Amino acid sequence: MNKMKGLLVIVLVMSPVVSFAGFADTLRDLRNTLGQVSETTKQVAGISQDVRGAAGQNQQAGMQTNLAAGQTLRPKVNNISLYQSPNKSSAVIQKLSKSTDLVFSGNMQQGLYEVATDHGTGWVESHLVQ
């Protein structure tokens, strides 16, 4: 009987030590997993920046190839601005009506098309012409 009591005491004393060791292993595994998640998050953020940059380049390249130099365009709405340079903060040469014929020069910069009109050569916002 004493042997059984002794064995029971040993088991009861060792149980918390084994439990603590298992808990420490679990915490270590959790810390490693969190580190891996953090690293993966950084990689995904880098990839998404690369994708956004490539999409912007592809969009500009696609817009340039959709039109041919000499192609006639028209404003989609009245009163679009004909800018002096490829910058929306540059001077406005003229406001154009929907009936104005625009001849695309083949140049595009910063979302603006260079066009020739009866009012002179200038730049219009690409999304406002068809």
Foldseek 3Di string as FASTA:
>chain_A
DVVVVVVVVVCVVCVVVVVVVVVVVVVVVVVVVVVVVVVVVVVVVVVVVVVVVVVVVVVVVVLLVVDDQFDKKFFPAWFFFFAAELDPPGDTQDGGHRPWIWGFHSDDDPQWTWTQTPSGIGITRNVGMD
